[in-house]
Amino acid sequence: MSLAIGIAVFQANRFSQYEEKVENLRELIPICANCKKIRDDEGYWTNVEEYFKVYEDKEFTHGICPECAKKLYADYL
């Protein structure tokens, strides 16, 4: 393999790795560590349910996990 071909292959592989990293960053969702609101692309903060309904075309069902049920309803369990 010539040096030029080797360099081209190396650069193509490197570019592919950068594309993958950029795609992974696009998948990150900025969420408030306290209230759990999500910041959209325009910089507005909205609650999780509304964000997914608008941007991901998903809806939530609500329930209570066992850990929270113990905290909230310990007197009844």
C-alpha atoms as a PDB file:
ATOM      1  CA  MET A   1       0.000   0.000   0.000  1.00  0.00           C
ATOM      2  CA  SER A   2       1.401   3.359  -0.915  1.00  0.00           C
ATOM      3  CA  LEU A   3       1.919   6.043   1.695  1.00  0.00           C
ATOM      4  CA  ALA A   4      -0.731   8.294   0.092  1.00  0.00           C
ATOM      5  CA  ILE A   5      -3.360   5.539   0.238  1.00  0.00           C
ATOM      6  CA  GLY A   6      -2.425   4.727   3.828  1.00  0.00           C
ATOM      7  CA  ILE A   7      -2.803   8.376   4.845  1.00  0.00           C
ATOM      8  CA  ALA A   8      -6.149   8.634   3.038  1.00  0.00           C
ATOM      9  CA  VAL A   9      -7.465   5.536   4.815  1.00  0.00           C
ATOM     10  CA  PHE A  10      -6.251   6.854   8.172  1.00  0.00           C
ATOM     11  CA  GLN A  11      -7.927  10.220   7.599  1.00  0.00           C
ATOM     12  CA  ALA A  12     -11.178   8.578   6.483  1.00  0.00           C
ATOM     13  CA  ASN A  13     -11.245   6.455   9.646  1.00  0.00           C
ATOM     14  CA  ARG A  14     -10.493   9.486  11.793  1.00  0.00           C
ATOM     15  CA  PHE A  15     -13.257  11.503  10.114  1.00  0.00           C
ATOM     16  CA  SER A  16     -15.702   8.651  10.700  1.00  0.00           C
ATOM     17  CA  GLN A  17     -14.823   8.632  14.404  1.00  0.00           C
ATOM     18  CA  TYR A  18     -15.426  12.399  14.630  1.00  0.00           C
ATOM     19  CA  GLU A  19     -18.788  12.040  12.892  1.00  0.00           C
ATOM     20  CA  GLU A  20     -19.802   9.402  15.422  1.00  0.00           C
ATOM     21  CA  LYS A  21     -18.789  11.640  18.350  1.00  0.00           C
ATOM     22  CA  VAL A  22     -20.756  14.579  16.931  1.00  0.00           C
ATOM     23  CA  GLU A  23     -23.814  12.373  16.457  1.00  0.00           C
ATOM     24  CA  ASN A  24     -23.545  11.219  20.069  1.00  0.00           C
ATOM     25  CA  LEU A  25     -23.425  14.840  21.252  1.00  0.00           C
ATOM     26  CA  ARG A  26     -26.600  15.595  19.285  1.00  0.00           C
ATOM     27  CA  GLU A  27     -28.348  12.880  21.245  1.00  0.00           C
ATOM     28  CA  LEU A  28     -27.617  14.524  24.607  1.00  0.00           C
ATOM     29  CA  ILE A  29     -30.588  16.272  26.183  1.00  0.00           C
ATOM     30  CA  PRO A  30     -29.795  19.197  28.526  1.00  0.00           C
ATOM     31  CA  ILE A  31     -31.830  18.648  31.691  1.00  0.00           C
ATOM     32  CA  CYS A  32     -31.952  20.679  34.918  1.00  0.00           C
ATOM     33  CA  ALA A  33     -30.388  18.712  37.762  1.00  0.00           C
ATOM     34  CA  ASN A  34     -32.963  20.120  40.175  1.00  0.00           C
ATOM     35  CA  CYS A  35     -36.388  20.429  38.556  1.00  0.00           C
ATOM     36  CA  LYS A  36     -35.755  18.096  35.575  1.00  0.00           C
ATOM     37  CA  LYS A  37     -36.963  20.604  32.968  1.00  0.00           C
ATOM     38  CA  ILE A  38     -35.339  20.204  29.559  1.00  0.00           C
ATOM     39  CA  ARG A  39     -33.789  23.022  27.515  1.00  0.00           C
ATOM     40  CA  ASP A  40     -34.855  22.947  23.873  1.00  0.00           C
ATOM     41  CA  ASP A  41     -32.867  24.127  20.845  1.00  0.00           C
ATOM     42  CA  GLU A  42     -34.233  27.665  21.248  1.00  0.00           C
ATOM     43  CA  GLY A  43     -33.085  27.849  24.876  1.00  0.00           C
ATOM     44  CA  TYR A  44     -36.527  27.527  26.476  1.00  0.00           C
ATOM     45  CA  TRP A  45     -37.010  25.256  29.480  1.00  0.00           C
ATOM     46  CA  THR A  46     -40.006  22.931  29.532  1.00  0.00           C
ATOM     47  CA  ASN A  47     -41.112  19.995  31.646  1.00  0.00           C
ATOM     48  CA  VAL A  48     -40.043  16.513  30.602  1.00  0.00           C
ATOM     49  CA  GLU A  49     -43.486  15.341  29.576  1.00  0.00           C
ATOM     50  CA  GLU A  50     -44.129  18.341  27.314  1.00  0.00           C
ATOM     51  CA  TYR A  51     -40.671  18.120  25.746  1.00  0.00           C
ATOM     52  CA  PHE A  52     -41.100  14.513  24.708  1.00  0.00           C
ATOM     53  CA  LYS A  53     -44.636  15.118  23.522  1.00  0.00           C
ATOM     54  CA  VAL A  54     -43.509  17.974  21.240  1.00  0.00           C
ATOM     55  CA  TYR A  55     -40.001  16.936  20.143  1.00  0.00           C
ATOM     56  CA  GLU A  56     -40.079  13.170  20.274  1.00  0.00           C
ATOM     57  CA  ASP A  57     -43.761  12.544  19.585  1.00  0.00           C
ATOM     58  CA  LYS A  58     -43.989  10.471  22.765  1.00  0.00           C
ATOM     59  CA  GLU A  59     -46.424  10.604  25.649  1.00  0.00           C
ATOM     60  CA  PHE A  60     -45.869   9.594  29.251  1.00  0.00           C
ATOM     61  CA  THR A  61     -47.836   7.386  31.546  1.00  0.00           C
ATOM     62  CA  HIS A  62     -47.314   8.004  35.214  1.00  0.00           C
ATOM     63  CA  GLY A  63     -46.735   5.624  38.030  1.00  0.00           C
ATOM     64  CA  ILE A  64     -44.738   5.512  41.236  1.00  0.00           C
ATOM     65  CA  CYS A  65     -41.644   3.388  41.625  1.00  0.00           C
ATOM     66  CA  PRO A  66     -41.394   1.221  44.755  1.00  0.00           C
ATOM     67  CA  GLU A  67     -38.757   3.475  46.340  1.00  0.00           C
ATOM     68  CA  CYS A  68     -40.907   6.603  45.997  1.00  0.00           C
ATOM     69  CA  ALA A  69     -44.017   4.726  47.119  1.00  0.00           C
ATOM     70  CA  LYS A  70     -42.232   3.888  50.383  1.00  0.00           C
ATOM     71  CA  LYS A  71     -41.238   7.545  50.882  1.00  0.00           C
ATOM     72  CA  LEU A  72     -44.640   8.978  49.993  1.00  0.00           C
ATOM     73  CA  TYR A  73     -46.983   6.359  51.353  1.00  0.00           C
ATOM     74  CA  ALA A  74     -45.061   4.654  54.156  1.00  0.00           C
ATOM     75  CA  ASP A  75     -48.032   5.004  56.507  1.00  0.00           C
ATOM     76  CA  TYR A  76     -50.258   3.088  54.086  1.00  0.00           C
ATOM     77  CA  LEU A  77     -47.934   0.281  53.043  1.00  0.00           C
END
